[in-house]
Protein backbone atom coordinates (compact mmCIF):
# COMPACT_ATOMS: atom_id res chain seq x y z
CA MET A 1 127.32 1.76 -72.87
CA ASP A 2 127.37 -1.49 -74.85
CA SER A 3 131.10 -2.44 -75.13
CA ARG A 4 130.57 -5.34 -77.44
CA SER A 5 132.32 -5.52 -80.80
CA LEU A 6 132.21 -7.80 -83.73
CA LEU A 7 135.24 -8.66 -86.12
CA LEU A 8 134.60 -9.72 -89.50
CA LEU A 9 137.24 -10.90 -91.52
CA ASP A 10 136.55 -11.49 -95.36
CA GLY A 11 138.45 -14.97 -95.31
CA THR A 12 138.43 -15.55 -99.24
CA ALA A 13 140.16 -12.21 -99.76
CA GLU A 14 142.82 -12.92 -96.84
CA LEU A 15 143.43 -16.37 -98.26
CA TYR A 16 144.60 -14.81 -101.82
CA ARG A 17 146.41 -11.84 -99.97
CA SER A 18 148.21 -14.38 -97.89
CA TYR A 19 148.97 -16.87 -100.51
CA TYR A 20 150.69 -14.08 -102.65
CA ALA A 21 152.53 -12.54 -99.96
CA PHE A 22 154.26 -15.88 -98.88
CA LYS A 23 153.85 -17.72 -102.11
CA ASP A 24 157.11 -19.51 -101.86
CA LEU A 25 156.77 -20.78 -98.27
CA ARG A 26 156.77 -24.54 -97.97
CA THR A 27 157.58 -27.47 -95.70
CA LYS A 28 160.52 -29.45 -95.92
CA ALA A 29 158.43 -32.04 -97.75
CA ASN A 30 157.79 -29.12 -100.37
CA VAL A 31 154.21 -28.86 -99.15
CA PRO A 32 152.91 -25.13 -99.83
CA THR A 33 152.10 -23.53 -96.58
CA GLY A 34 152.26 -19.68 -97.54
CA ALA A 35 148.32 -18.83 -97.59
CA ALA A 36 148.05 -20.90 -94.02
CA PHE A 37 150.95 -19.19 -92.45
CA GLY A 38 149.67 -15.57 -93.72
CA PHE A 39 146.34 -16.31 -92.54
CA ALA A 40 147.19 -17.58 -89.12
CA LEU A 41 149.54 -14.42 -88.69
CA ALA A 42 146.92 -12.07 -89.59
CA LEU A 43 143.94 -13.79 -87.49
CA GLN A 44 146.31 -13.68 -84.48
CA ARG A 45 147.43 -9.97 -84.81
CA LEU A 46 143.81 -8.92 -85.55
CA LEU A 47 142.58 -10.70 -82.34
CA ASP A 48 145.63 -9.35 -80.36
CA SER A 49 144.93 -5.64 -81.49
CA GLU A 50 141.07 -5.44 -81.98
CA LYS A 51 140.10 -7.79 -78.78
CA PRO A 52 136.74 -8.11 -80.07
CA THR A 53 134.12 -9.83 -78.18
CA HIS A 54 132.59 -11.36 -81.33
CA ALA A 55 134.22 -12.62 -84.40
CA ALA A 56 133.40 -14.48 -87.66
CA VAL A 57 135.46 -15.54 -90.75
CA ALA A 58 133.39 -15.58 -94.18
CA PHE A 59 134.46 -17.56 -97.20
CA ASP A 60 132.99 -17.86 -100.79
CA LEU A 61 131.84 -21.41 -101.69
CA PRO A 62 132.72 -22.83 -105.12
CA ASP A 63 129.32 -23.00 -106.25
CA ALA A 64 127.43 -20.33 -108.38
CA THR A 65 125.64 -17.73 -106.67
CA PHE A 66 122.37 -15.75 -107.21
CA ARG A 67 124.57 -13.17 -109.15
CA HIS A 68 125.58 -15.77 -111.52
CA GLU A 69 122.13 -16.87 -112.09
CA ALA A 70 121.30 -13.11 -112.88
CA TYR A 71 124.45 -12.65 -115.06
CA ALA A 72 126.15 -15.82 -116.37
CA GLU A 73 129.29 -13.88 -117.25
CA TYR A 74 129.79 -12.53 -113.35
CA LYS A 75 133.38 -13.04 -112.36
CA ALA A 76 134.01 -14.99 -115.69
CA THR A 77 137.21 -12.91 -116.56
CA ARG A 78 138.68 -14.34 -113.23
CA LYS A 79 141.52 -16.65 -113.52
CA PRO A 80 141.21 -20.02 -111.98
CA THR A 81 142.46 -20.25 -108.20
CA PRO A 82 146.08 -21.67 -107.90
CA PRO A 83 146.04 -25.35 -107.12
CA ASP A 84 148.43 -24.63 -104.48
CA LEU A 85 146.28 -22.17 -102.67
CA VAL A 86 143.22 -24.39 -103.09
CA ALA A 87 145.08 -27.22 -101.21
CA GLN A 88 145.53 -25.10 -98.27
CA ILE A 89 141.95 -24.20 -97.79
CA PRO A 90 140.94 -27.13 -95.52
CA VAL A 91 144.21 -26.61 -93.14
CA VAL A 92 143.22 -22.68 -92.88
CA LYS A 93 139.59 -23.64 -91.96
CA GLN A 94 141.04 -25.98 -89.29
CA ILE A 95 143.06 -23.15 -87.96
CA VAL A 96 140.12 -20.86 -87.82
CA ALA A 97 138.25 -23.63 -86.12
CA ALA A 98 141.09 -24.12 -83.65
CA TYR A 99 140.64 -20.57 -82.83
CA ALA A 100 137.18 -21.12 -81.80
CA ILE A 101 135.81 -18.73 -84.22
CA PRO A 102 132.98 -19.64 -86.44
CA VAL A 103 133.50 -20.13 -90.23
CA VAL A 104 130.41 -18.82 -92.09
CA GLU A 105 129.74 -19.83 -95.50
CA VAL A 106 126.37 -20.18 -97.35
CA SER A 107 125.43 -21.67 -100.59
CA GLY A 108 124.28 -19.48 -103.29
CA PHE A 109 125.75 -16.38 -101.59
CA GLU A 110 128.99 -14.53 -101.49
CA ALA A 111 131.20 -13.95 -98.28
CA ASP A 112 130.22 -10.20 -98.91
CA ASP A 113 126.73 -10.86 -98.38
CA VAL A 114 127.26 -12.90 -95.34
CA ILE A 115 129.24 -10.21 -93.84
CA ALA A 116 126.55 -7.73 -94.72
CA THR A 117 124.00 -9.56 -92.73
CA LEU A 118 126.26 -10.14 -89.84
CA VAL A 119 126.83 -6.24 -89.99
CA THR A 120 122.84 -5.80 -89.73
CA MET A 121 122.47 -8.27 -86.97
CA ALA A 122 125.10 -6.62 -85.03
CA LYS A 123 123.58 -3.38 -85.65
CA ARG A 124 120.27 -4.25 -84.30
CA GLU A 125 121.93 -5.19 -81.02
CA SER A 126 124.06 -2.07 -80.99
CA VAL A 127 127.24 -3.84 -81.20
CA ASP A 128 130.14 -2.11 -83.01
CA VAL A 129 131.63 -3.87 -86.17
CA THR A 130 135.02 -3.73 -87.65
CA ILE A 131 135.31 -5.39 -91.08
CA VAL A 132 138.53 -6.37 -92.35
CA ALA A 133 138.49 -6.25 -96.20
CA GLN A 134 140.42 -4.73 -99.10
CA ASP A 135 137.58 -4.39 -101.48
CA LYS A 136 135.91 -0.79 -101.95
CA ASP A 137 132.65 -2.82 -102.41
CA PHE A 138 132.42 -3.14 -98.71
CA TYR A 139 132.25 0.76 -98.03
CA GLN A 140 128.58 0.47 -98.68
CA LEU A 141 128.21 -1.30 -95.25
CA LEU A 142 129.91 1.80 -93.30
CA ASP A 143 127.58 3.21 -90.89
CA ASP A 144 127.65 4.74 -87.27
CA GLY A 145 129.47 1.80 -85.34
CA VAL A 146 130.71 0.09 -88.31
CA TRP A 147 134.29 0.67 -89.69
CA ILE A 148 136.50 -0.87 -92.36
CA LEU A 149 140.17 -2.06 -91.54
CA ASN A 150 142.19 -1.86 -94.74
CA GLN A 151 145.80 -3.12 -94.81
CA LYS A 152 146.73 -0.07 -96.99
CA LYS A 153 144.36 2.71 -96.12
CA GLY A 154 144.01 2.04 -92.31
CA ARG A 155 140.69 2.10 -90.28
CA LEU A 156 138.04 3.80 -92.28
CA ASP A 157 134.62 5.30 -91.12
CA ARG A 158 132.02 6.73 -93.15
CA VAL A 159 133.42 10.25 -93.33
CA SER A 160 137.08 9.08 -94.36
CA ALA A 161 135.74 6.68 -96.80
CA GLU A 162 133.96 9.66 -98.70
CA GLN A 163 137.02 11.76 -98.59
CA LEU A 164 138.51 8.82 -100.43
CA LEU A 165 136.05 8.06 -102.81
CA GLY A 166 134.30 11.47 -103.42
CA ILE A 167 131.03 10.23 -102.95
CA PRO A 168 128.98 8.75 -100.21
CA PRO A 169 130.19 5.15 -99.40
CA GLY A 170 126.66 4.03 -99.58
CA ARG A 171 126.35 5.01 -103.19
CA ILE A 172 128.85 2.40 -104.35
CA PRO A 173 126.22 0.19 -105.95
CA ASP A 174 124.95 3.27 -107.65
CA LEU A 175 128.70 4.27 -108.90
CA LEU A 176 129.27 0.69 -110.12
CA ALA A 177 125.74 0.53 -111.75
CA LEU A 178 127.19 3.33 -114.10
CA MET A 179 131.12 2.62 -114.35
CA GLY A 180 130.96 -1.44 -113.95
CA ASP A 181 133.74 -3.27 -112.34
CA SER A 182 136.22 -4.90 -114.37
CA SER A 183 137.40 -7.37 -111.25
CA ASP A 184 134.10 -8.91 -110.77
CA ASN A 185 132.87 -8.34 -114.58
CA ILE A 186 130.04 -6.06 -113.77
CA PRO A 187 129.04 -4.36 -117.15
CA GLY A 188 127.89 -0.81 -116.13
CA VAL A 189 127.14 1.54 -118.79
CA ASP A 190 129.43 1.49 -122.15
CA GLY A 191 131.46 4.62 -122.18
CA ILE A 192 130.99 5.74 -118.69
CA GLY A 193 134.18 5.63 -116.42
CA GLU A 194 134.86 6.29 -112.93
CA LYS A 195 135.00 10.06 -113.45
CA GLY A 196 132.05 10.31 -115.48
CA ALA A 197 129.94 8.11 -113.22
CA LYS A 198 131.09 10.12 -109.93
CA LYS A 199 129.93 13.14 -111.47
CA LEU A 200 126.52 11.78 -112.18
CA ILE A 201 126.21 10.51 -108.61
CA SER A 202 127.34 13.69 -107.25
CA GLU A 203 124.81 15.74 -109.37
CA PHE A 204 121.85 13.47 -108.88
CA GLY A 205 122.57 11.10 -105.75
CA THR A 206 121.28 7.65 -106.87
CA ILE A 207 120.92 5.67 -109.93
CA ASP A 208 117.25 6.05 -109.64
CA ALA A 209 117.54 9.84 -109.46
CA VAL A 210 119.74 9.66 -112.80
CA TYR A 211 116.86 8.03 -114.65
CA ARG A 212 114.35 10.12 -113.28
CA ASN A 213 116.28 13.01 -114.57
CA LEU A 214 117.56 12.12 -117.80
CA ASP A 215 116.24 15.48 -119.42
CA LYS A 216 118.73 17.25 -117.34
CA VAL A 217 121.73 15.24 -118.47
CA GLY A 218 123.29 17.73 -120.84
CA ASN A 219 125.50 15.51 -122.96
CA PRO A 220 123.29 14.08 -125.61
CA LYS A 221 125.58 10.95 -126.10
CA LEU A 222 125.94 10.42 -122.48
CA LYS A 223 122.03 10.76 -122.48
CA ALA A 224 121.67 8.41 -125.26
CA ARG A 225 123.87 5.60 -123.70
CA LEU A 226 121.94 5.89 -120.55
CA GLU A 227 118.86 5.71 -122.12
CA SER A 228 119.70 2.64 -124.24
CA GLN A 229 121.62 0.61 -121.40
CA ARG A 230 118.99 1.21 -118.49
CA ASP A 231 118.46 -2.58 -118.03
CA ARG A 232 122.10 -3.04 -118.26
CA ALA A 233 122.79 -0.19 -115.42
CA TYR A 234 120.09 -1.83 -113.24
CA LEU A 235 121.62 -5.14 -113.60
CA SER A 236 124.91 -3.95 -112.45
CA TYR A 237 123.57 -2.22 -109.60
CA ALA A 238 121.88 -5.49 -108.57
CA LEU A 239 125.28 -7.16 -108.78
CA ALA A 240 126.91 -4.68 -106.79
CA LEU A 241 124.57 -4.50 -104.00
CA MET A 242 125.04 -6.74 -100.86
CA HIS A 243 122.28 -8.82 -99.49
CA HIS A 244 121.66 -8.48 -95.68
CA ASP A 245 119.23 -11.25 -95.49
CA VAL A 246 121.24 -14.32 -95.88
CA PRO A 247 120.11 -17.38 -94.01
CA ILE A 248 123.11 -17.77 -91.46
CA GLY A 249 120.78 -19.63 -88.99
CA ARG A 250 122.76 -18.26 -85.95
CA SER A 251 122.18 -15.71 -83.36
CA LEU A 252 124.69 -13.19 -82.67
CA ALA A 253 125.54 -14.71 -79.51
CA ALA A 254 127.13 -17.85 -81.51
CA PHE A 255 129.90 -15.57 -82.61
CA SER A 256 131.11 -14.98 -78.97
CA VAL A 257 134.91 -15.22 -78.95
CA ARG A 258 136.29 -17.98 -76.73
CA ASN A 259 139.45 -19.43 -75.89
CA PRO A 260 141.28 -21.10 -78.50
CA ASP A 261 142.03 -24.91 -78.69
CA SER A 262 145.86 -24.26 -77.73
CA ALA A 263 146.65 -27.94 -78.04
CA ALA A 264 145.15 -28.21 -81.55
CA LEU A 265 146.86 -25.03 -82.79
CA CYS A 266 149.94 -26.16 -81.57
CA ARG A 267 149.57 -29.30 -83.47
CA ILE A 268 148.62 -27.70 -86.62
CA PHE A 269 151.34 -25.29 -86.68
CA GLU A 270 153.82 -27.93 -85.81
CA SER A 271 152.83 -29.91 -88.70
CA LEU A 272 153.07 -26.91 -91.02
CA GLU A 273 156.44 -26.23 -89.59
CA PHE A 274 155.46 -22.59 -88.00
CA SER A 275 157.84 -22.89 -85.26
CA SER A 276 157.03 -19.41 -83.70
CA LEU A 277 153.35 -19.89 -83.87
CA ALA A 278 153.61 -23.26 -82.43
CA ALA A 279 155.63 -22.07 -79.38
CA LYS A 280 152.82 -19.59 -78.80
CA PHE A 281 150.38 -22.03 -77.95
CA ARG A 282 152.54 -24.59 -76.56
CA THR A 283 152.77 -22.33 -73.54
CA TYR A 284 149.34 -20.84 -73.79
CA GLU A 285 147.35 -20.95 -70.52
CA PRO A 286 143.74 -19.81 -70.62
CA VAL A 287 142.94 -17.39 -67.84
CA GLN A 288 139.23 -18.61 -67.91
CA GLY A 289 136.81 -20.99 -69.92
CA ASP A 290 135.02 -18.51 -71.61
CA LEU A 291 136.15 -15.13 -71.87
CA PHE A 292 132.69 -13.47 -72.34
CA GLY A 293 130.27 -15.80 -71.26
CA ASP A 294 127.81 -15.33 -73.98
CA THR A 295 125.71 -18.52 -75.08
CA ASP A 296 123.79 -19.31 -77.96
């Protein structure tokens, strides 16, 4: 039995979560450090609890993606990133690098697509995957050997996610095609909310099946909306669907977990005045040079 496991962290989401969880944390010189502290704490706890053989952290880049090219209003309603958070991004990436965990970010794609591609790579090699994410969009990636670790809901598999959603998790893009998503400004079909969208997906299965069976939609107003907004529904589906073919340019072996650079972590944590984290790595002694021996 293959005992390899891949830990995937949605780095952008964790940055925001950490920033707001420790928003008031600053150094004596008044430098904001809350996002870095929360991120480092979460990463260390995940490595301790999950003990993965492979790991990666995916980040969004500030440039436009293929979704913005398809729909200029995509995520247009989001507020600008707080300057105090932006200022901490470089040091957070330094922390990840010092843990010897690859940072993956690809121009034109989101962290979601990077994670979806890494999941596909892992499944090809029969490697189990744990995705650390809060967004329900990631539910579409659930499969045999693929779990989501959600801070509030715990560890979810395909069955438990379906119990929460009321529809199979793989149907998330179909659901959002109909109801839209205000957080990402995905339009959906006017007048169809979550309840109505779930009813349609439960009855027909997919967005394609809905449109193949419009004559079976009993509500005349709903049928008219669906007919008149077909293009909008399919645009929304495309925006919600994660891509599994991002050009990452690395094999799975490149994501093997290795010993952290304890000296670098100690220096970084001391500079940020994270005394407990710095102390952990001041006394750290690696057992062996490479924990799992995979090479790229």
